[in-house]
PDB file of N, CA and C in Angstrom:
ATOM      1  N   MET A   1      47.880 125.446 250.733  1.00  0.00           N
ATOM      2  CA  MET A   1      48.378 124.207 250.150  1.00  0.00           C
ATOM      3  C   MET A   1      49.335 124.531 249.007  1.00  0.00           C
ATOM      4  N   THR A   2      50.496 123.875 248.985  1.00  0.00           N
ATOM      5  CA  THR A   2      51.467 124.133 247.933  1.00  0.00           C
ATOM      6  C   THR A   2      51.054 123.418 246.647  1.00  0.00           C
ATOM      7  N   PRO A   3      51.317 124.046 245.502  1.00  0.00           N
ATOM      8  CA  PRO A   3      50.954 123.415 244.228  1.00  0.00           C
ATOM      9  C   PRO A   3      51.829 122.202 243.937  1.00  0.00           C
ATOM     10  N   MET A   4      51.310 121.277 243.152  1.00  0.00           N
ATOM     11  CA  MET A   4      52.027 120.061 242.775  1.00  0.00           C
ATOM     12  C   MET A   4      53.196 120.430 241.854  1.00  0.00           C
ATOM     13  N   ARG A   5      54.384 119.830 242.092  1.00  0.00           N
ATOM     14  CA  ARG A   5      55.555 120.114 241.262  1.00  0.00           C
ATOM     15  C   ARG A   5      55.341 119.598 239.850  1.00  0.00           C
ATOM     16  N   PRO A   6      55.942 120.295 238.842  1.00  0.00           N
ATOM     17  CA  PRO A   6      55.730 119.897 237.447  1.00  0.00           C
ATOM     18  C   PRO A   6      56.261 118.512 237.088  1.00  0.00           C
ATOM     19  N   ASP A   7      57.285 117.998 237.829  1.00  0.00           N
ATOM     20  CA  ASP A   7      57.782 116.663 237.517  1.00  0.00           C
ATOM     21  C   ASP A   7      56.895 115.574 238.117  1.00  0.00           C
ATOM     22  N   LYS A   8      55.962 115.944 238.970  1.00  0.00           N
ATOM     23  CA  LYS A   8      55.059 114.983 239.594  1.00  0.00           C
ATOM     24  C   LYS A   8      53.702 114.921 238.892  1.00  0.00           C
ATOM     25  N   LYS A   9      53.371 115.973 238.157  1.00  0.00           N
ATOM     26  CA  LYS A   9      52.075 116.028 237.484  1.00  0.00           C
ATOM     27  C   LYS A   9      52.190 116.979 236.296  1.00  0.00           C
ATOM     28  N   GLY A  10      51.495 116.683 235.235  1.00  0.00           N
ATOM     29  CA  GLY A  10      51.463 117.616 234.117  1.00  0.00           C
ATOM     30  C   GLY A  10      52.372 117.222 232.963  1.00  0.00           C
ATOM     31  N   ALA A  11      52.747 118.231 232.181  1.00  0.00           N
ATOM     32  CA  ALA A  11      53.464 118.014 230.921  1.00  0.00           C
ATOM     33  C   ALA A  11      54.836 117.379 231.097  1.00  0.00           C
ATOM     34  N   HIS A  12      55.528 117.646 232.199  1.00  0.00           N
ATOM     35  CA  HIS A  12      56.880 117.127 232.393  1.00  0.00           C
ATOM     36  C   HIS A  12      56.906 115.710 232.957  1.00  0.00           C
ATOM     37  N   ARG A  13      55.781 115.204 233.399  1.00  0.00           N
ATOM     38  CA  ARG A  13      55.749 113.901 234.077  1.00  0.00           C
ATOM     39  C   ARG A  13      56.283 112.767 233.203  1.00  0.00           C
ATOM     40  N   ALA A  14      55.865 112.690 231.969  1.00  0.00           N
ATOM     41  CA  ALA A  14      56.297 111.599 231.083  1.00  0.00           C
ATOM     42  C   ALA A  14      57.797 111.684 230.797  1.00  0.00           C
ATOM     43  N   SER A  15      58.308 112.886 230.543  1.00  0.00           N
ATOM     44  CA  SER A  15      59.739 113.059 230.289  1.00  0.00           C
ATOM     45  C   SER A  15      60.553 112.719 231.523  1.00  0.00           C
ATOM     46  N   TYR A  16      60.078 113.121 232.685  1.00  0.00           N
ATOM     47  CA  TYR A  16      60.769 112.819 233.935  1.00  0.00           C
ATOM     48  C   TYR A  16      60.864 111.309 234.136  1.00  0.00           C
ATOM     49  N   GLU A  17      59.772 110.608 233.949  1.00  0.00           N
ATOM     50  CA  GLU A  17      59.755 109.146 234.129  1.00  0.00           C
ATOM     51  C   GLU A  17      60.683 108.448 233.134  1.00  0.00           C
ATOM     52  N   LYS A  18      60.692 108.910 231.864  1.00  0.00           N
ATOM     53  CA  LYS A  18      61.575 108.325 230.846  1.00  0.00           C
ATOM     54  C   LYS A  18      63.035 108.546 231.243  1.00  0.00           C
ATOM     55  N   ASN A  19      63.384 109.747 231.669  1.00  0.00           N
ATOM     56  CA  ASN A  19      64.761 110.054 232.059  1.00  0.00           C
ATOM     57  C   ASN A  19      65.146 109.369 233.367  1.00  0.00           C
ATOM     58  N   ARG A  20      64.198 109.176 234.253  1.00  0.00           N
ATOM     59  CA  ARG A  20      64.436 108.445 235.504  1.00  0.00           C
ATOM     60  C   ARG A  20      64.846 107.005 235.187  1.00  0.00           C
ATOM     61  N   LYS A  21      64.145 106.381 234.259  1.00  0.00           N
ATOM     62  CA  LYS A  21      64.476 105.008 233.854  1.00  0.00           C
ATOM     63  C   LYS A  21      65.864 104.943 233.224  1.00  0.00           C
ATOM     64  N   LYS A  22      66.221 105.951 232.401  1.00  0.00           N
ATOM     65  CA  LYS A  22      67.552 105.996 231.787  1.00  0.00           C
ATOM     66  C   LYS A  22      68.634 106.100 232.865  1.00  0.00           C
ATOM     67  N   ILE A  23      68.413 106.959 233.850  1.00  0.00           N
ATOM     68  CA  ILE A  23      69.392 107.143 234.928  1.00  0.00           C
ATOM     69  C   ILE A  23      69.545 105.859 235.724  1.00  0.00           C
ATOM     70  N   PHE A  24      68.434 105.211 236.060  1.00  0.00           N
ATOM     71  CA  PHE A  24      68.502 103.947 236.811  1.00  0.00           C
ATOM     72  C   PHE A  24      69.216 102.863 236.002  1.00  0.00           C
ATOM     73  N   ALA A  25      69.121 102.905 234.674  1.00  0.00           N
ATOM     74  CA  ALA A  25      69.755 101.895 233.833  1.00  0.00           C
ATOM     75  C   ALA A  25      71.239 102.172 233.580  1.00  0.00           C
ATOM     76  N   THR A  26      71.660 103.430 233.676  1.00  0.00           N
ATOM     77  CA  THR A  26      73.027 103.780 233.293  1.00  0.00           C
ATOM     78  C   THR A  26      73.927 104.221 234.440  1.00  0.00           C
ATOM     79  N   GLN A  27      73.372 104.567 235.585  1.00  0.00           N
ATOM     80  CA  GLN A  27      74.183 105.038 236.705  1.00  0.00           C
ATOM     81  C   GLN A  27      74.057 104.074 237.873  1.00  0.00           C
ATOM     82  N   ASN A  28      75.110 103.974 238.695  1.00  0.00           N
ATOM     83  CA  ASN A  28      75.035 103.084 239.853  1.00  0.00           C
ATOM     84  C   ASN A  28      75.722 103.655 241.096  1.00  0.00           C
ATOM     85  N   VAL A  29      76.163 104.931 241.012  1.00  0.00           N
ATOM     86  CA  VAL A  29      76.822 105.584 242.138  1.00  0.00           C
ATOM     87  C   VAL A  29      76.042 106.838 242.513  1.00  0.00           C
ATOM     88  N   CYS A  30      75.836 107.029 243.807  1.00  0.00           N
ATOM     89  CA  CYS A  30      75.148 108.219 244.298  1.00  0.00           C
ATOM     90  C   CYS A  30      75.982 109.452 243.955  1.00  0.00           C
ATOM     91  N   ALA A  31      75.389 110.412 243.284  1.00  0.00           N
ATOM     92  CA  ALA A  31      76.100 111.624 242.881  1.00  0.00           C
ATOM     93  C   ALA A  31      76.389 112.543 244.058  1.00  0.00           C
ATOM     94  N   ILE A  32      75.766 112.310 245.194  1.00  0.00           N
ATOM     95  CA  ILE A  32      75.965 113.175 246.357  1.00  0.00           C
ATOM     96  C   ILE A  32      77.048 112.628 247.281  1.00  0.00           C
ATOM     97  N   CYS A  33      76.966 111.342 247.643  1.00  0.00           N
ATOM     98  CA  CYS A  33      77.952 110.783 248.584  1.00  0.00           C
ATOM     99  C   CYS A  33      79.030 109.955 247.894  1.00  0.00           C
ATOM    100  N   GLY A  34      78.816 109.544 246.643  1.00  0.00           N
ATOM    101  CA  GLY A  34      79.829 108.796 245.902  1.00  0.00           C
ATOM    102  C   GLY A  34      79.845 107.301 246.174  1.00  0.00           C
ATOM    103  N   LYS A  35      78.880 106.791 246.918  1.00  0.00           N
ATOM    104  CA  LYS A  35      78.834 105.355 247.216  1.00  0.00           C
ATOM    105  C   LYS A  35      77.859 104.647 246.278  1.00  0.00           C
ATOM    106  N   MET A  36      78.058 103.343 246.134  1.00  0.00           N
ATOM    107  CA  MET A  36      77.199 102.534 245.265  1.00  0.00           C
ATOM    108  C   MET A  36      75.753 102.560 245.755  1.00  0.00           C
ATOM    109  N   VAL A  37      74.828 102.501 244.808  1.00  0.00           N
ATOM    110  CA  VAL A  37      73.399 102.453 245.112  1.00  0.00           C
ATOM    111  C   VAL A  37      72.917 101.028 244.902  1.00  0.00           C
ATOM    112  N   ASP A  38      72.244 100.476 245.901  1.00  0.00           N
ATOM    113  CA  ASP A  38      71.698  99.121 245.825  1.00  0.00           C
ATOM    114  C   ASP A  38      70.250  99.213 245.340  1.00  0.00           C
ATOM    115  N   PHE A  39      70.026  98.821 244.076  1.00  0.00           N
ATOM    116  CA  PHE A  39      68.695  98.938 243.486  1.00  0.00           C
ATOM    117  C   PHE A  39      67.703  97.911 244.035  1.00  0.00           C
ATOM    118  N   SER A  40      68.187  96.942 244.814  1.00  0.00           N
ATOM    119  CA  SER A  40      67.262  95.969 245.409  1.00  0.00           C
ATOM    120  C   SER A  40      66.534  96.567 246.610  1.00  0.00           C
ATOM    121  N   LEU A  41      67.059  97.650 247.165  1.00  0.00           N
ATOM    122  CA  LEU A  41      66.407  98.322 248.293  1.00  0.00           C
ATOM    123  C   LEU A  41      65.288  99.201 247.757  1.00  0.00           C
ATOM    124  N   LYS A  42      64.138  99.079 248.344  1.00  0.00           N
ATOM    125  CA  LYS A  42      62.969  99.842 247.896  1.00  0.00           C
ATOM    126  C   LYS A  42      62.570 100.859 248.959  1.00  0.00           C
ATOM    127  N   SER A  43      61.883 101.887 248.540  1.00  0.00           N
ATOM    128  CA  SER A  43      61.375 102.908 249.452  1.00  0.00           C
ATOM    129  C   SER A  43      60.448 102.237 250.458  1.00  0.00           C
ATOM    130  N   PRO A  44      60.504 102.564 251.695  1.00  0.00           N
ATOM    131  CA  PRO A  44      61.073 103.735 252.371  1.00  0.00           C
ATOM    132  C   PRO A  44      62.474 103.527 252.927  1.00  0.00           C
ATOM    133  N   ASP A  45      63.230 102.541 252.458  1.00  0.00           N
ATOM    134  CA  ASP A  45      64.602 102.348 252.935  1.00  0.00           C
ATOM    135  C   ASP A  45      65.413 103.611 252.630  1.00  0.00           C
ATOM    136  N   PRO A  46      66.143 104.166 253.609  1.00  0.00           N
ATOM    137  CA  PRO A  46      66.880 105.408 253.388  1.00  0.00           C
ATOM    138  C   PRO A  46      67.994 105.303 252.344  1.00  0.00           C
ATOM    139  N   MET A  47      68.447 104.090 252.055  1.00  0.00           N
ATOM    140  CA  MET A  47      69.504 103.924 251.051  1.00  0.00           C
ATOM    141  C   MET A  47      68.948 103.495 249.689  1.00  0.00           C
ATOM    142  N   SER A  48      67.640 103.569 249.518  1.00  0.00           N
ATOM    143  CA  SER A  48      67.032 103.212 248.234  1.00  0.00           C
ATOM    144  C   SER A  48      67.368 104.268 247.176  1.00  0.00           C
ATOM    145  N   ALA A  49      67.266 103.866 245.916  1.00  0.00           N
ATOM    146  CA  ALA A  49      67.612 104.745 244.797  1.00  0.00           C
ATOM    147  C   ALA A  49      66.515 105.760 244.544  1.00  0.00           C
ATOM    148  N   THR A  50      66.940 106.968 244.221  1.00  0.00           N
ATOM    149  CA  THR A  50      66.017 108.024 243.821  1.00  0.00           C
ATOM    150  C   THR A  50      66.733 108.939 242.837  1.00  0.00           C
ATOM    151  N   VAL A  51      65.990 109.831 242.221  1.00  0.00           N
ATOM    152  CA  VAL A  51      66.577 110.785 241.285  1.00  0.00           C
ATOM    153  C   VAL A  51      66.581 112.153 241.941  1.00  0.00           C
ATOM    154  N   ASP A  52      67.734 112.811 241.899  1.00  0.00           N
ATOM    155  CA  ASP A  52      67.923 114.133 242.474  1.00  0.00           C
ATOM    156  C   ASP A  52      67.978 115.168 241.356  1.00  0.00           C
ATOM    157  N   HIS A  53      67.356 116.316 241.592  1.00  0.00           N
ATOM    158  CA  HIS A  53      67.476 117.450 240.674  1.00  0.00           C
ATOM    159  C   HIS A  53      68.737 118.217 241.070  1.00  0.00           C
ATOM    160  N   ILE A  54      69.693 118.338 240.167  1.00  0.00           N
ATOM    161  CA  ILE A  54      70.947 119.032 240.450  1.00  0.00           C
ATOM    162  C   ILE A  54      70.641 120.484 240.831  1.00  0.00           C
ATOM    163  N   ILE A  55      69.896 121.169 239.997  1.00  0.00           N
ATOM    164  CA  ILE A  55      69.363 122.483 240.353  1.00  0.00           C
ATOM    165  C   ILE A  55      67.911 122.231 240.720  1.00  0.00           C
ATOM    166  N   PRO A  56      67.557 122.411 242.000  1.00  0.00           N
ATOM    167  CA  PRO A  56      66.213 122.058 242.462  1.00  0.00           C
ATOM    168  C   PRO A  56      65.100 122.772 241.691  1.00  0.00           C
ATOM    169  N   VAL A  57      63.995 122.095 241.538  1.00  0.00           N
ATOM    170  CA  VAL A  57      62.826 122.674 240.872  1.00  0.00           C
ATOM    171  C   VAL A  57      62.406 123.952 241.607  1.00  0.00           C
ATOM    172  N   ALA A  58      62.540 123.958 242.932  1.00  0.00           N
ATOM    173  CA  ALA A  58      62.187 125.131 243.738  1.00  0.00           C
ATOM    174  C   ALA A  58      63.076 126.338 243.423  1.00  0.00           C
ATOM    175  N   LYS A  59      64.257 126.077 242.832  1.00  0.00           N
ATOM    176  CA  LYS A  59      65.176 127.172 242.479  1.00  0.00           C
ATOM    177  C   LYS A  59      65.249 127.317 240.957  1.00  0.00           C
ATOM    178  N   ASN A  60      64.162 127.022 240.288  1.00  0.00           N
ATOM    179  CA  ASN A  60      63.999 127.169 238.837  1.00  0.00           C
ATOM    180  C   ASN A  60      64.803 126.170 238.008  1.00  0.00           C
ATOM    181  N   GLY A  61      65.152 125.015 238.589  1.00  0.00           N
ATOM    182  CA  GLY A  61      65.777 123.951 237.818  1.00  0.00           C
ATOM    183  C   GLY A  61      64.742 123.287 236.931  1.00  0.00           C
ATOM    184  N   HIS A  62      65.181 122.784 235.788  1.00  0.00           N
ATOM    185  CA  HIS A  62      64.248 122.124 234.866  1.00  0.00           C
ATOM    186  C   HIS A  62      63.749 120.827 235.506  1.00  0.00           C
ATOM    187  N   PRO A  63      62.447 120.610 235.521  1.00  0.00           N
ATOM    188  CA  PRO A  63      61.895 119.442 236.214  1.00  0.00           C
ATOM    189  C   PRO A  63      62.138 118.098 235.542  1.00  0.00           C
ATOM    190  N   SER A  64      62.436 118.073 234.227  1.00  0.00           N
ATOM    191  CA  SER A  64      62.563 116.765 233.578  1.00  0.00           C
ATOM    192  C   SER A  64      63.762 116.629 232.648  1.00  0.00           C
ATOM    193  N   ASP A  65      64.561 117.665 232.466  1.00  0.00           N
ATOM    194  CA  ASP A  65      65.731 117.587 231.581  1.00  0.00           C
ATOM    195  C   ASP A  65      66.771 116.645 232.178  1.00  0.00           C
ATOM    196  N   ILE A  66      67.241 115.684 231.396  1.00  0.00           N
ATOM    197  CA  ILE A  66      68.178 114.674 231.913  1.00  0.00           C
ATOM    198  C   ILE A  66      69.487 115.301 232.397  1.00  0.00           C
ATOM    199  N   SER A  67      69.873 116.449 231.862  1.00  0.00           N
ATOM    200  CA  SER A  67      71.104 117.098 232.318  1.00  0.00           C
ATOM    201  C   SER A  67      70.932 117.720 233.712  1.00  0.00           C
ATOM    202  N   ASN A  68      69.706 117.793 234.203  1.00  0.00           N
ATOM    203  CA  ASN A  68      69.450 118.310 235.551  1.00  0.00           C
ATOM    204  C   ASN A  68      69.103 117.193 236.537  1.00  0.00           C
ATOM    205  N   LEU A  69      69.253 115.949 236.124  1.00  0.00           N
ATOM    206  CA  LEU A  69      68.900 114.819 236.983  1.00  0.00           C
ATOM    207  C   LEU A  69      70.123 113.954 237.255  1.00  0.00           C
ATOM    208  N   GLN A  70      70.195 113.386 238.455  1.00  0.00           N
ATOM    209  CA  GLN A  70      71.293 112.493 238.815  1.00  0.00           C
ATOM    210  C   GLN A  70      70.793 111.463 239.820  1.00  0.00           C
ATOM    211  N   LEU A  71      71.486 110.331 239.868  1.00  0.00           N
ATOM    212  CA  LEU A  71      71.149 109.254 240.793  1.00  0.00           C
ATOM    213  C   LEU A  71      71.597 109.625 242.201  1.00  0.00           C
ATOM    214  N   ALA A  72      70.788 109.290 243.192  1.00  0.00           N
ATOM    215  CA  ALA A  72      71.150 109.549 244.592  1.00  0.00           C
ATOM    216  C   ALA A  72      70.445 108.560 245.502  1.00  0.00           C
ATOM    217  N   HIS A  73      71.029 108.366 246.685  1.00  0.00           N
ATOM    218  CA  HIS A  73      70.312 107.642 247.733  1.00  0.00           C
ATOM    219  C   HIS A  73      69.187 108.541 248.227  1.00  0.00           C
ATOM    220  N   TRP A  74      68.116 107.949 248.701  1.00  0.00           N
ATOM    221  CA  TRP A  74      66.994 108.733 249.204  1.00  0.00           C
ATOM    222  C   TRP A  74      67.442 109.660 250.330  1.00  0.00           C
ATOM    223  N   THR A  75      68.232 109.141 251.271  1.00  0.00           N
ATOM    224  CA  THR A  75      68.652 109.947 252.414  1.00  0.00           C
ATOM    225  C   THR A  75      69.603 111.074 251.994  1.00  0.00           C
ATOM    226  N   CYS A  76      70.488 110.827 251.032  1.00  0.00           N
ATOM    227  CA  CYS A  76      71.394 111.875 250.547  1.00  0.00           C
ATOM    228  C   CYS A  76      70.592 112.994 249.876  1.00  0.00           C
ATOM    229  N   ASN A  77      69.640 112.597 249.057  1.00  0.00           N
ATOM    230  CA  ASN A  77      68.791 113.560 248.372  1.00  0.00           C
ATOM    231  C   ASN A  77      67.996 114.385 249.388  1.00  0.00           C
ATOM    232  N   ARG A  78      67.503 113.730 250.403  1.00  0.00           N
ATOM    233  CA  ARG A  78      66.718 114.404 251.440  1.00  0.00           C
ATOM    234  C   ARG A  78      67.575 115.414 252.204  1.00  0.00           C
ATOM    235  N   GLN A  79      68.815 115.040 252.512  1.00  0.00           N
ATOM    236  CA  GLN A  79      69.697 115.946 253.248  1.00  0.00           C
ATOM    237  C   GLN A  79      70.161 117.112 252.379  1.00  0.00           C
ATOM    238  N   LYS A  80      70.346 116.856 251.097  1.00  0.00           N
ATOM    239  CA  LYS A  80      70.731 117.939 250.182  1.00  0.00           C
ATOM    240  C   LYS A  80      69.602 118.950 250.078  1.00  0.00           C
ATOM    241  N   SER A  81      68.371 118.464 250.100  1.00  0.00           N
ATOM    242  CA  SER A  81      67.176 119.303 250.045  1.00  0.00           C
ATOM    243  C   SER A  81      67.213 120.187 248.806  1.00  0.00           C
ATOM    244  N   ASP A  82      67.056 121.499 248.961  1.00  0.00           N
ATOM    245  CA  ASP A  82      67.054 122.389 247.798  1.00  0.00           C
ATOM    246  C   ASP A  82      68.336 123.211 247.705  1.00  0.00           C
ATOM    247  N   LYS A  83      69.443 122.640 248.215  1.00  0.00           N
ATOM    248  CA  LYS A  83      70.733 123.332 248.148  1.00  0.00           C
ATOM    249  C   LYS A  83      71.373 123.099 246.772  1.00  0.00           C
ATOM    250  N   ILE A  84      72.260 124.016 246.408  1.00  0.00           N
ATOM    251  CA  ILE A  84      72.970 123.934 245.131  1.00  0.00           C
ATOM    252  C   ILE A  84      74.458 124.026 245.417  1.00  0.00           C
ATOM    253  N   PHE A  85      75.250 123.122 244.814  1.00  0.00           N
ATOM    254  CA  PHE A  85      76.707 123.260 244.885  1.00  0.00           C
ATOM    255  C   PHE A  85      77.089 124.468 244.050  1.00  0.00           C
ATOM    256  N   ARG A  86      77.917 125.337 244.598  1.00  0.00           N
ATOM    257  CA  ARG A  86      78.269 126.585 243.919  1.00  0.00           C
ATOM    258  C   ARG A  86      79.174 126.383 242.705  1.00  0.00           C
ATOM    259  N   ASN A  87      80.142 125.488 242.790  1.00  0.00           N
ATOM    260  CA  ASN A  87      81.121 125.328 241.725  1.00  0.00           C
ATOM    261  C   ASN A  87      81.380 123.848 241.508  1.00  0.00           C
ATOM    262  N   LYS A  88      81.083 123.339 240.333  1.00  0.00           N
ATOM    263  CA  LYS A  88      81.244 121.906 240.081  1.00  0.00           C
ATOM    264  C   LYS A  88      82.715 121.484 240.110  1.00  0.00           C
ATOM    265  N   GLU A  89      83.649 122.379 239.713  1.00  0.00           N
ATOM    266  CA  GLU A  89      85.061 122.032 239.711  1.00  0.00           C
ATOM    267  C   GLU A  89      85.611 121.946 241.133  1.00  0.00           C
ATOM    268  N   GLU A  90      85.038 122.729 242.039  1.00  0.00           N
ATOM    269  CA  GLU A  90      85.480 122.727 243.425  1.00  0.00           C
ATOM    270  C   GLU A  90      84.973 121.462 244.100  1.00  0.00           C
ATOM    271  N   LYS A  91      85.871 120.708 244.713  1.00  0.00           N
ATOM    272  CA  LYS A  91      85.459 119.469 245.366  1.00  0.00           C
ATOM    273  C   LYS A  91      84.743 119.786 246.666  1.00  0.00           C
ATOM    274  N   PRO A  92      83.534 119.264 246.855  1.00  0.00           N
ATOM    275  CA  PRO A  92      82.839 119.490 248.121  1.00  0.00           C
ATOM    276  C   PRO A  92      83.539 118.744 249.250  1.00  0.00           C
ATOM    277  N   GLN A  93      83.509 119.316 250.440  1.00  0.00           N
ATOM    278  CA  GLN A  93      84.130 118.656 251.576  1.00  0.00           C
ATOM    279  C   GLN A  93      83.213 117.556 252.079  1.00  0.00           C
ATOM    280  N   VAL A  94      83.812 116.510 252.624  1.00  0.00           N
ATOM    281  CA  VAL A  94      83.031 115.407 253.155  1.00  0.00           C
ATOM    282  C   VAL A  94      82.667 115.728 254.599  1.00  0.00           C
ATOM    283  N   LEU A  95      81.383 115.746 254.882  1.00  0.00           N
ATOM    284  CA  LEU A  95      80.869 115.990 256.223  1.00  0.00           C
ATOM    285  C   LEU A  95      80.107 114.743 256.632  1.00  0.00           C
ATOM    286  N   GLY A  96      80.553 114.063 257.668  1.00  0.00           N
ATOM    287  CA  GLY A  96      79.941 112.779 257.975  1.00  0.00           C
ATOM    288  C   GLY A  96      80.307 111.871 256.814  1.00  0.00           C
ATOM    289  N   ASN A  97      79.423 111.374 256.066  1.00  0.00           N
ATOM    290  CA  ASN A  97      79.771 110.705 254.816  1.00  0.00           C
ATOM    291  C   ASN A  97      78.904 111.269 253.701  1.00  0.00           C
ATOM    292  N   ARG A  98      78.557 112.538 253.851  1.00  0.00           N
ATOM    293  CA  ARG A  98      77.711 113.207 252.869  1.00  0.00           C
ATOM    294  C   ARG A  98      78.436 114.423 252.318  1.00  0.00           C
ATOM    295  N   ASN A  99      78.354 114.662 251.032  1.00  0.00           N
ATOM    296  CA  ASN A  99      78.904 115.862 250.426  1.00  0.00           C
ATOM    297  C   ASN A  99      77.783 116.886 250.379  1.00  0.00           C
ATOM    298  N   LEU A 100      77.883 117.880 251.224  1.00  0.00           N
ATOM    299  CA  LEU A 100      76.855 118.907 251.285  1.00  0.00           C
ATOM    300  C   LEU A 100      77.489 120.284 251.148  1.00  0.00           C
ATOM    301  N   PRO A 101      76.792 121.222 250.555  1.00  0.00           N
ATOM    302  CA  PRO A 101      77.333 122.571 250.460  1.00  0.00           C
ATOM    303  C   PRO A 101      77.391 123.210 251.845  1.00  0.00           C
ATOM    304  N   GLN A 102      78.316 124.144 252.031  1.00  0.00           N
ATOM    305  CA  GLN A 102      78.446 124.822 253.313  1.00  0.00           C
ATOM    306  C   GLN A 102      78.066 126.283 253.155  1.00  0.00           C
ATOM    307  N   SER A 103      77.498 126.868 254.214  1.00  0.00           N
ATOM    308  CA  SER A 103      77.099 128.263 254.173  1.00  0.00           C
ATOM    309  C   SER A 103      78.298 129.189 254.291  1.00  0.00           C
ATOM    310  N   MET A 104      79.375 128.726 254.947  1.00  0.00           N
ATOM    311  CA  MET A 104      80.600 129.510 255.068  1.00  0.00           C
ATOM    312  C   MET A 104      81.755 128.568 255.378  1.00  0.00           C
ATOM    313  N   ASP A 105      82.977 129.083 255.328  1.00  0.00           N
ATOM    314  CA  ASP A 105      84.146 128.276 255.634  1.00  0.00           C
ATOM    315  C   ASP A 105      84.347 128.273 257.152  1.00  0.00           C
ATOM    316  N   TRP A 106      83.870 127.235 257.806  1.00  0.00           N
ATOM    317  CA  TRP A 106      83.894 127.185 259.272  1.00  0.00           C
ATOM    318  C   TRP A 106      85.293 126.936 259.823  1.00  0.00           C
ATOM    319  N   LYS A 107      86.247 126.468 258.984  1.00  0.00           N
ATOM    320  CA  LYS A 107      87.608 126.248 259.463  1.00  0.00           C
ATOM    321  C   LYS A 107      88.303 127.561 259.781  1.00  0.00           C
ATOM    322  N   THR A 108      87.896 128.647 259.125  1.00  0.00           N
ATOM    323  CA  THR A 108      88.525 129.943 259.356  1.00  0.00           C
ATOM    324  C   THR A 108      87.729 130.820 260.319  1.00  0.00           C
ATOM    325  N   TYR A 109      86.631 130.314 260.842  1.00  0.00           N
ATOM    326  CA  TYR A 109      85.772 131.080 261.758  1.00  0.00           C
ATOM    327  C   TYR A 109      86.483 131.319 263.083  1.00  0.00           C
ATOM    328  N   THR A 110      86.505 132.560 263.542  1.00  0.00           N
ATOM    329  CA  THR A 110      87.174 132.886 264.806  1.00  0.00           C
ATOM    330  C   THR A 110      86.193 133.257 265.898  1.00  0.00           C
ATOM    331  N   GLY A 111      84.960 133.540 265.573  1.00  0.00           N
ATOM    332  CA  GLY A 111      83.904 133.802 266.539  1.00  0.00           C
ATOM    333  C   GLY A 111      84.073 135.055 267.249  1.00  0.00           C
TER     334      GLY A 111
END
């Protein structure tokens, strides 16, 4: 059984919840796909609002620091999973309608 994440239980829980409320009050665009988030949609709707860890907790990202949290649609956050964008200045390519990191540059692949 995997241990409970620190933002879900323990010392970071209160800070995470406080910062989650701040993000919901101040942001309205999904940081992953760039589209508006409809706060009237509730879970389990795939377009409902959720908070994404920019650097995932699984990759040693801080579980409750507001600088590591961003607004996202549930489905965008789920598809991003525990991936990290390599360079914030570099614009991610649009795949489908999701901005996801790529493992390699497939446009130059010759096989």
